[in-house]
Amino acid sequence: GLPTQSVRLERHPASALDVATSLEDRPEVVRVLYPARPSDPDHDLWRRQFSGAPGLFSIELRACDEAAYARFIESLELFGLGASWGGFESLVLPAIPQARRGLDPQPDDGRVVRLHIGLEDPADLIAELEQALSHL
């Protein structure tokens, strides 16, 4: 709500940048979709067109089976399951972009995960994501 809006608008992008950057070099992650990262290929375009960033970004995981993907999601305790645009809690949402396009996902496709980074300590979120990635 409004009482915490200013805190959230400051912390979400800073924490999201920390978490997104920590995932860049993970072998289980194909790419991090967050143009606020200086290393993102579209960062210059993003800087020209935006004055800030949200706490929401996506990661594409290396190909894995459904069981491993489920273990990854289910092992996250600090992340609730759901969608948000600026709430205080961190959330995870499995995404299947092919389904939006009417295509059947292929068994060996990489999985996409949307992450909303809340007000928790980024170091705690990073540690939890690292342990979850070990399930892949």
Protein backbone atom coordinates (compact mmCIF):
# COMPACT_ATOMS: atom_id res chain seq x y z
CA GLY A 1 0.00 0.00 0.00
CA LEU A 2 0.86 3.66 0.07
CA PRO A 3 2.61 3.65 3.48
CA THR A 4 5.46 1.50 2.11
CA GLN A 5 5.44 2.60 -1.53
CA SER A 6 8.51 4.87 -1.36
CA VAL A 7 10.56 2.17 0.40
CA ARG A 8 9.51 -0.45 -2.14
CA LEU A 9 10.21 1.78 -5.16
CA GLU A 10 13.77 2.31 -3.90
CA ARG A 11 14.53 -1.21 -2.76
CA HIS A 12 12.93 -3.30 -5.53
CA PRO A 13 15.25 -2.25 -8.37
CA ALA A 14 18.39 -2.24 -6.21
CA SER A 15 17.67 -5.70 -4.83
CA ALA A 16 16.55 -7.04 -8.22
CA LEU A 17 19.79 -5.82 -9.79
CA ASP A 18 21.82 -7.61 -7.10
CA VAL A 19 19.88 -10.86 -7.56
CA ALA A 20 19.84 -10.69 -11.38
CA THR A 21 23.57 -9.98 -11.52
CA SER A 22 24.29 -12.93 -9.24
CA LEU A 23 22.53 -15.26 -11.70
CA GLU A 24 24.43 -14.13 -14.81
CA ASP A 25 27.28 -16.62 -14.55
CA ARG A 26 25.38 -19.58 -13.14
CA PRO A 27 25.80 -22.63 -15.40
CA GLU A 28 22.09 -23.51 -14.97
CA VAL A 29 21.01 -20.12 -16.35
CA VAL A 30 21.00 -19.50 -20.11
CA ARG A 31 20.19 -15.80 -19.77
CA VAL A 32 18.84 -13.19 -17.42
CA LEU A 33 16.15 -10.97 -18.90
CA TYR A 34 16.60 -7.68 -17.04
CA PRO A 35 17.77 -4.69 -19.13
CA ALA A 36 18.62 -2.68 -16.00
CA ARG A 37 21.80 -4.80 -15.74
CA PRO A 38 24.75 -2.97 -17.29
CA SER A 39 25.80 -6.24 -18.97
CA ASP A 40 22.41 -6.71 -20.67
CA PRO A 41 22.65 -6.35 -24.48
CA ASP A 42 19.74 -3.87 -24.43
CA HIS A 43 20.97 -1.81 -21.47
CA ASP A 44 21.79 1.32 -23.51
CA LEU A 45 18.35 1.32 -25.09
CA TRP A 46 16.78 0.81 -21.67
CA ARG A 47 18.74 3.76 -20.19
CA ARG A 48 17.57 6.04 -23.01
CA GLN A 49 13.92 5.11 -22.59
CA PHE A 50 13.46 4.52 -18.85
CA SER A 51 14.24 6.35 -15.64
CA GLY A 52 13.94 3.35 -13.35
CA ALA A 53 13.44 -0.39 -13.13
CA PRO A 54 10.98 -2.73 -11.44
CA GLY A 55 11.77 -5.60 -9.13
CA LEU A 56 10.49 -8.03 -11.77
CA PHE A 57 12.67 -9.98 -14.18
CA SER A 58 12.92 -13.39 -15.83
CA ILE A 59 15.56 -16.04 -16.18
CA GLU A 60 15.81 -18.76 -18.80
CA LEU A 61 17.08 -22.01 -17.37
CA ARG A 62 19.06 -24.64 -19.23
CA ALA A 63 16.98 -27.51 -20.55
CA CYS A 64 15.69 -29.80 -17.82
CA ASP A 65 12.83 -32.20 -17.32
CA GLU A 66 9.56 -31.32 -15.58
CA ALA A 67 10.57 -33.10 -12.37
CA ALA A 68 13.76 -31.03 -12.00
CA TYR A 69 11.87 -27.84 -12.84
CA ALA A 70 9.28 -28.68 -10.18
CA ARG A 71 12.03 -29.40 -7.62
CA PHE A 72 13.58 -26.01 -8.41
CA ILE A 73 10.27 -24.17 -7.84
CA GLU A 74 9.23 -26.22 -4.80
CA SER A 75 12.57 -25.75 -3.03
CA LEU A 76 12.09 -21.98 -2.86
CA GLU A 77 10.87 -21.07 0.62
CA LEU A 78 11.46 -17.31 0.69
CA PHE A 79 9.63 -16.92 -2.63
CA GLY A 80 5.88 -17.31 -2.68
CA LEU A 81 4.19 -18.65 -5.79
CA GLY A 82 2.37 -15.92 -7.70
CA ALA A 83 2.57 -12.67 -9.66
CA SER A 84 3.09 -9.13 -8.38
CA TRP A 85 3.88 -5.66 -9.58
CA GLY A 86 5.48 -4.11 -6.53
CA GLY A 87 4.33 -6.00 -3.46
CA PHE A 88 6.60 -6.41 -0.45
CA GLU A 89 7.18 -10.17 -0.83
CA SER A 90 9.39 -12.02 -3.28
CA LEU A 91 7.52 -14.26 -5.70
CA VAL A 92 8.29 -16.86 -8.35
CA LEU A 93 6.11 -17.70 -11.32
CA PRO A 94 6.84 -20.50 -13.80
CA ALA A 95 6.38 -19.19 -17.33
CA ILE A 96 5.73 -21.05 -20.55
CA PRO A 97 6.09 -18.42 -23.29
CA GLN A 98 5.39 -20.96 -26.05
CA ALA A 99 1.89 -21.51 -24.67
CA ARG A 100 1.10 -17.83 -25.19
CA ARG A 101 1.97 -18.26 -28.84
CA GLY A 102 -0.11 -21.41 -29.22
CA LEU A 103 2.97 -23.62 -29.51
CA ASP A 104 3.52 -26.81 -27.58
CA PRO A 105 6.63 -26.66 -25.40
CA GLN A 106 9.26 -29.11 -26.51
CA PRO A 107 10.59 -31.50 -23.83
CA ASP A 108 14.13 -30.19 -24.16
CA ASP A 109 13.29 -26.47 -24.17
CA GLY A 110 14.80 -24.32 -21.45
CA ARG A 111 12.33 -23.23 -18.79
CA VAL A 112 11.54 -19.59 -18.02
CA VAL A 113 10.96 -18.34 -14.51
CA ARG A 114 9.66 -14.89 -13.58
CA LEU A 115 10.99 -13.51 -10.32
CA HIS A 116 9.62 -10.59 -8.36
CA ILE A 117 12.18 -9.40 -5.82
CA GLY A 118 10.61 -8.07 -2.66
CA LEU A 119 11.97 -6.46 0.48
CA GLU A 120 13.86 -9.49 1.82
CA ASP A 121 17.64 -9.29 2.10
CA PRO A 122 19.06 -9.86 -1.42
CA ALA A 123 21.83 -12.06 0.02
CA ASP A 124 19.19 -14.40 1.45
CA LEU A 125 17.35 -14.52 -1.88
CA ILE A 126 20.58 -15.19 -3.78
CA ALA A 127 21.50 -18.04 -1.42
CA GLU A 128 18.06 -19.56 -1.80
CA LEU A 129 18.15 -19.34 -5.59
CA GLU A 130 21.60 -20.94 -5.62
CA GLN A 131 20.36 -23.91 -3.60
CA ALA A 132 17.26 -24.18 -5.83
CA LEU A 133 19.42 -24.18 -8.96
CA SER A 134 21.32 -27.16 -7.55
CA HIS A 135 18.13 -29.20 -8.09
CA LEU A 136 18.55 -28.82 -11.83
